[in-house]
């Protein structure tokens, strides 16, 4: 199962939509680039009862 979540870039503050892969295990941590300013973020996903708790932070923070 995949879903999308809207998050805000920790660099430019613009909204971005990312995919959450519920089959990817728990917890998940990966790097993704902002769709607007191209800066890298660290994405952390914790899955709880078909809901995703998503946090993003500046990469290397």
PDB file of N, CA and C in Angstrom:
ATOM      1  N   UNK A   1       0.848  -1.180   0.000  1.00  0.00           N
ATOM      2  CA  UNK A   1       0.000   0.000   0.000  1.00  0.00           C
ATOM      3  C   UNK A   1       0.892   1.242   0.000  1.00  0.00           C
ATOM      4  N   UNK A   2       0.557   2.209  -0.838  1.00  0.00           N
ATOM      5  CA  UNK A   2       1.267   3.480  -0.867  1.00  0.00           C
ATOM      6  C   UNK A   2       0.270   4.608  -0.671  1.00  0.00           C
ATOM      7  N   UNK A   3       0.749   5.672  -0.086  1.00  0.00           N
ATOM      8  CA  UNK A   3      -0.074   6.841   0.171  1.00  0.00           C
ATOM      9  C   UNK A   3       0.811   8.064  -0.038  1.00  0.00           C
ATOM     10  N   UNK A   4       0.213   9.230  -0.153  1.00  0.00           N
ATOM     11  CA  UNK A   4       0.993  10.459  -0.255  1.00  0.00           C
ATOM     12  C   UNK A   4       0.740  11.322   0.969  1.00  0.00           C
ATOM     13  N   UNK A   5       1.768  12.088   1.329  1.00  0.00           N
ATOM     14  CA  UNK A   5       1.692  12.995   2.462  1.00  0.00           C
ATOM     15  C   UNK A   5       2.278  14.326   2.016  1.00  0.00           C
ATOM     16  N   UNK A   6       1.643  15.425   2.414  1.00  0.00           N
ATOM     17  CA  UNK A   6       2.198  16.744   2.124  1.00  0.00           C
ATOM     18  C   UNK A   6       3.070  17.166   3.298  1.00  0.00           C
ATOM     19  N   UNK A   7       4.306  17.521   3.004  1.00  0.00           N
ATOM     20  CA  UNK A   7       5.230  18.014   4.017  1.00  0.00           C
ATOM     21  C   UNK A   7       5.784  19.353   3.526  1.00  0.00           C
ATOM     22  N   UNK A   8       6.462  20.065   4.417  1.00  0.00           N
ATOM     23  CA  UNK A   8       7.039  21.359   4.067  1.00  0.00           C
ATOM     24  C   UNK A   8       8.556  21.276   4.162  1.00  0.00           C
ATOM     25  N   UNK A   9       9.219  21.767   3.136  1.00  0.00           N
ATOM     26  CA  UNK A   9      10.676  21.721   3.059  1.00  0.00           C
ATOM     27  C   UNK A   9      11.286  22.498   4.230  1.00  0.00           C
ATOM     28  N   UNK A  10      12.251  21.896   4.945  1.00  0.00           N
ATOM     29  CA  UNK A  10      12.896  22.608   6.047  1.00  0.00           C
ATOM     30  C   UNK A  10      13.845  23.716   5.578  1.00  0.00           C
ATOM     31  N   UNK A  11      14.125  23.795   4.291  1.00  0.00           N
ATOM     32  CA  UNK A  11      14.979  24.848   3.746  1.00  0.00           C
ATOM     33  C   UNK A  11      14.154  26.022   3.226  1.00  0.00           C
ATOM     34  N   UNK A  12      13.268  25.759   2.249  1.00  0.00           N
ATOM     35  CA  UNK A  12      12.542  26.856   1.589  1.00  0.00           C
ATOM     36  C   UNK A  12      11.113  27.028   2.109  1.00  0.00           C
ATOM     37  N   UNK A  13      10.601  26.049   2.856  1.00  0.00           N
ATOM     38  CA  UNK A  13       9.262  26.150   3.428  1.00  0.00           C
ATOM     39  C   UNK A  13       8.127  25.823   2.476  1.00  0.00           C
ATOM     40  N   UNK A  14       8.455  25.442   1.244  1.00  0.00           N
ATOM     41  CA  UNK A  14       7.419  25.137   0.258  1.00  0.00           C
ATOM     42  C   UNK A  14       6.841  23.736   0.488  1.00  0.00           C
ATOM     43  N   UNK A  15       5.540  23.563   0.181  1.00  0.00           N
ATOM     44  CA  UNK A  15       4.934  22.235   0.327  1.00  0.00           C
ATOM     45  C   UNK A  15       5.451  21.272  -0.740  1.00  0.00           C
ATOM     46  N   UNK A  16       5.613  20.028  -0.346  1.00  0.00           N
ATOM     47  CA  UNK A  16       6.039  18.944  -1.232  1.00  0.00           C
ATOM     48  C   UNK A  16       5.174  17.740  -0.918  1.00  0.00           C
ATOM     49  N   UNK A  17       4.932  16.920  -1.901  1.00  0.00           N
ATOM     50  CA  UNK A  17       4.180  15.687  -1.703  1.00  0.00           C
ATOM     51  C   UNK A  17       5.141  14.517  -1.840  1.00  0.00           C
ATOM     52  N   UNK A  18       5.142  13.623  -0.838  1.00  0.00           N
ATOM     53  CA  UNK A  18       6.001  12.444  -0.900  1.00  0.00           C
ATOM     54  C   UNK A  18       5.146  11.193  -0.755  1.00  0.00           C
ATOM     55  N   UNK A  19       5.662  10.092  -1.274  1.00  0.00           N
ATOM     56  CA  UNK A  19       4.983   8.804  -1.182  1.00  0.00           C
ATOM     57  C   UNK A  19       5.438   8.075   0.070  1.00  0.00           C
ATOM     58  N   UNK A  20       4.492   7.437   0.745  1.00  0.00           N
ATOM     59  CA  UNK A  20       4.771   6.590   1.897  1.00  0.00           C
ATOM     60  C   UNK A  20       4.508   5.152   1.474  1.00  0.00           C
ATOM     61  N   UNK A  21       5.507   4.304   1.661  1.00  0.00           N
ATOM     62  CA  UNK A  21       5.386   2.886   1.312  1.00  0.00           C
ATOM     63  C   UNK A  21       5.176   2.093   2.598  1.00  0.00           C
ATOM     64  N   UNK A  22       3.939   1.660   2.825  1.00  0.00           N
ATOM     65  CA  UNK A  22       3.606   0.939   4.053  1.00  0.00           C
ATOM     66  C   UNK A  22       4.257  -0.437   4.110  1.00  0.00           C
ATOM     67  N   UNK A  23       4.719  -0.956   2.980  1.00  0.00           N
ATOM     68  CA  UNK A  23       5.373  -2.267   2.983  1.00  0.00           C
ATOM     69  C   UNK A  23       6.882  -2.142   3.199  1.00  0.00           C
ATOM     70  N   UNK A  24       7.373  -0.932   3.390  1.00  0.00           N
ATOM     71  CA  UNK A  24       8.809  -0.697   3.512  1.00  0.00           C
ATOM     72  C   UNK A  24       9.395  -0.924   4.887  1.00  0.00           C
ATOM     73  N   UNK A  25       8.604  -1.416   5.826  1.00  0.00           N
ATOM     74  CA  UNK A  25       9.111  -1.659   7.168  1.00  0.00           C
ATOM     75  C   UNK A  25       8.886  -0.470   8.084  1.00  0.00           C
ATOM     76  N   UNK A  26       9.221  -0.672   9.346  1.00  0.00           N
ATOM     77  CA  UNK A  26       8.988   0.351  10.354  1.00  0.00           C
ATOM     78  C   UNK A  26      10.115   0.310  11.371  1.00  0.00           C
ATOM     79  N   UNK A  27      10.770   1.401  11.678  1.00  0.00           N
ATOM     80  CA  UNK A  27      10.648   2.716  11.044  1.00  0.00           C
ATOM     81  C   UNK A  27      11.433   2.774   9.734  1.00  0.00           C
ATOM     82  N   UNK A  28      11.173   3.817   8.969  1.00  0.00           N
ATOM     83  CA  UNK A  28      11.881   4.050   7.713  1.00  0.00           C
ATOM     84  C   UNK A  28      12.656   5.362   7.832  1.00  0.00           C
ATOM     85  N   UNK A  29      13.806   5.413   7.211  1.00  0.00           N
ATOM     86  CA  UNK A  29      14.613   6.625   7.182  1.00  0.00           C
ATOM     87  C   UNK A  29      15.322   6.672   5.833  1.00  0.00           C
ATOM     88  N   UNK A  30      15.181   7.778   5.136  1.00  0.00           N
ATOM     89  CA  UNK A  30      15.825   7.905   3.826  1.00  0.00           C
ATOM     90  C   UNK A  30      16.000   9.372   3.482  1.00  0.00           C
ATOM     91  N   UNK A  31      16.785   9.642   2.457  1.00  0.00           N
ATOM     92  CA  UNK A  31      17.029  11.004   2.003  1.00  0.00           C
ATOM     93  C   UNK A  31      16.222  11.271   0.742  1.00  0.00           C
ATOM     94  N   UNK A  32      15.646  12.464   0.671  1.00  0.00           N
ATOM     95  CA  UNK A  32      14.886  12.876  -0.510  1.00  0.00           C
ATOM     96  C   UNK A  32      15.166  14.353  -0.750  1.00  0.00           C
ATOM     97  N   UNK A  33      15.116  14.782  -2.006  1.00  0.00           N
ATOM     98  CA  UNK A  33      15.373  16.179  -2.354  1.00  0.00           C
ATOM     99  C   UNK A  33      14.066  16.947  -2.489  1.00  0.00           C
ATOM    100  N   UNK A  34      14.112  18.225  -2.106  1.00  0.00           N
ATOM    101  CA  UNK A  34      12.963  19.111  -2.270  1.00  0.00           C
ATOM    102  C   UNK A  34      12.635  19.245  -3.754  1.00  0.00           C
ATOM    103  N   UNK A  35      11.362  19.191  -4.070  1.00  0.00           N
ATOM    104  CA  UNK A  35      10.908  19.321  -5.451  1.00  0.00           C
ATOM    105  C   UNK A  35      11.017  20.762  -5.950  1.00  0.00           C
ATOM    106  N   UNK A  36      11.198  21.723  -5.033  1.00  0.00           N
ATOM    107  CA  UNK A  36      11.275  23.138  -5.403  1.00  0.00           C
ATOM    108  C   UNK A  36      12.727  23.635  -5.416  1.00  0.00           C
ATOM    109  N   UNK A  37      13.427  23.511  -4.267  1.00  0.00           N
ATOM    110  CA  UNK A  37      14.776  24.081  -4.156  1.00  0.00           C
ATOM    111  C   UNK A  37      15.894  23.046  -4.296  1.00  0.00           C
ATOM    112  N   UNK A  38      15.547  21.774  -4.406  1.00  0.00           N
ATOM    113  CA  UNK A  38      16.492  20.661  -4.629  1.00  0.00           C
ATOM    114  C   UNK A  38      17.438  20.381  -3.461  1.00  0.00           C
ATOM    115  N   UNK A  39      17.209  20.972  -2.300  1.00  0.00           N
ATOM    116  CA  UNK A  39      18.029  20.672  -1.127  1.00  0.00           C
ATOM    117  C   UNK A  39      17.647  19.299  -0.568  1.00  0.00           C
ATOM    118  N   UNK A  40      18.616  18.556  -0.007  1.00  0.00           N
ATOM    119  CA  UNK A  40      18.311  17.219   0.521  1.00  0.00           C
ATOM    120  C   UNK A  40      17.754  17.271   1.941  1.00  0.00           C
ATOM    121  N   UNK A  41      16.769  16.417   2.209  1.00  0.00           N
ATOM    122  CA  UNK A  41      16.241  16.267   3.565  1.00  0.00           C
ATOM    123  C   UNK A  41      16.385  14.835   4.014  1.00  0.00           C
ATOM    124  N   UNK A  42      16.352  14.665   5.314  1.00  0.00           N
ATOM    125  CA  UNK A  42      16.260  13.343   5.926  1.00  0.00           C
ATOM    126  C   UNK A  42      14.785  13.135   6.258  1.00  0.00           C
ATOM    127  N   UNK A  43      14.204  12.081   5.717  1.00  0.00           N
ATOM    128  CA  UNK A  43      12.796  11.756   5.952  1.00  0.00           C
ATOM    129  C   UNK A  43      12.742  10.584   6.924  1.00  0.00           C
ATOM    130  N   UNK A  44      11.935  10.717   7.978  1.00  0.00           N
ATOM    131  CA  UNK A  44      11.727   9.627   8.937  1.00  0.00           C
ATOM    132  C   UNK A  44      10.245   9.306   8.976  1.00  0.00           C
ATOM    133  N   UNK A  45       9.933   8.029   8.848  1.00  0.00           N
ATOM    134  CA  UNK A  45       8.541   7.582   8.816  1.00  0.00           C
ATOM    135  C   UNK A  45       8.348   6.513   9.886  1.00  0.00           C
ATOM    136  N   UNK A  46       7.348   6.716  10.743  1.00  0.00           N
ATOM    137  CA  UNK A  46       6.935   5.697  11.705  1.00  0.00           C
ATOM    138  C   UNK A  46       5.496   5.338  11.381  1.00  0.00           C
ATOM    139  N   UNK A  47       5.244   4.053  11.220  1.00  0.00           N
ATOM    140  CA  UNK A  47       3.912   3.578  10.846  1.00  0.00           C
ATOM    141  C   UNK A  47       3.180   3.057  12.076  1.00  0.00           C
ATOM    142  N   UNK A  48       1.927   3.516  12.239  1.00  0.00           N
ATOM    143  CA  UNK A  48       1.095   3.080  13.351  1.00  0.00           C
ATOM    144  C   UNK A  48      -0.325   2.877  12.861  1.00  0.00           C
ATOM    145  N   UNK A  49      -0.785   1.644  12.834  1.00  0.00           N
ATOM    146  CA  UNK A  49      -2.165   1.315  12.468  1.00  0.00           C
ATOM    147  C   UNK A  49      -2.615   2.015  11.187  1.00  0.00           C
ATOM    148  N   UNK A  50      -1.894   1.783  10.098  1.00  0.00           N
ATOM    149  CA  UNK A  50      -2.201   2.343   8.774  1.00  0.00           C
ATOM    150  C   UNK A  50      -2.131   3.857   8.713  1.00  0.00           C
ATOM    151  N   UNK A  51      -1.434   4.472   9.662  1.00  0.00           N
ATOM    152  CA  UNK A  51      -1.178   5.903   9.613  1.00  0.00           C
ATOM    153  C   UNK A  51       0.325   6.115   9.667  1.00  0.00           C
ATOM    154  N   UNK A  52       0.782   7.153   9.007  1.00  0.00           N
ATOM    155  CA  UNK A  52       2.211   7.440   8.961  1.00  0.00           C
ATOM    156  C   UNK A  52       2.512   8.734   9.709  1.00  0.00           C
ATOM    157  N   UNK A  53       3.477   8.672  10.608  1.00  0.00           N
ATOM    158  CA  UNK A  53       3.998   9.856  11.270  1.00  0.00           C
ATOM    159  C   UNK A  53       5.285  10.213  10.533  1.00  0.00           C
ATOM    160  N   UNK A  54       5.272  11.328   9.798  1.00  0.00           N
ATOM    161  CA  UNK A  54       6.393  11.703   8.934  1.00  0.00           C
ATOM    162  C   UNK A  54       7.042  12.970   9.467  1.00  0.00           C
ATOM    163  N   UNK A  55       8.368  12.932   9.616  1.00  0.00           N
ATOM    164  CA  UNK A  55       9.122  14.131   9.972  1.00  0.00           C
ATOM    165  C   UNK A  55      10.235  14.318   8.949  1.00  0.00           C
ATOM    166  N   UNK A  56      10.533  15.569   8.649  1.00  0.00           N
ATOM    167  CA  UNK A  56      11.643  15.876   7.752  1.00  0.00           C
ATOM    168  C   UNK A  56      12.560  16.874   8.443  1.00  0.00           C
ATOM    169  N   UNK A  57      13.839  16.735   8.196  1.00  0.00           N
ATOM    170  CA  UNK A  57      14.819  17.667   8.739  1.00  0.00           C
ATOM    171  C   UNK A  57      15.897  17.890   7.689  1.00  0.00           C
ATOM    172  N   UNK A  58      16.653  18.954   7.882  1.00  0.00           N
ATOM    173  CA  UNK A  58      17.746  19.229   6.959  1.00  0.00           C
ATOM    174  C   UNK A  58      18.727  18.074   7.010  1.00  0.00           C
ATOM    175  N   UNK A  59      19.213  17.661   5.862  1.00  0.00           N
ATOM    176  CA  UNK A  59      20.181  16.575   5.800  1.00  0.00           C
ATOM    177  C   UNK A  59      21.457  16.998   6.514  1.00  0.00           C
ATOM    178  N   UNK A  60      22.100  16.055   7.204  1.00  0.00           N
ATOM    179  CA  UNK A  60      23.328  16.298   7.972  1.00  0.00           C
ATOM    180  C   UNK A  60      23.103  17.178   9.185  1.00  0.00           C
ATOM    181  N   UNK A  61      21.902  17.185   9.740  1.00  0.00           N
ATOM    182  CA  UNK A  61      21.625  17.962  10.943  1.00  0.00           C
ATOM    183  C   UNK A  61      21.657  17.090  12.148  1.00  0.00           C
TER     184      UNK A  61
END
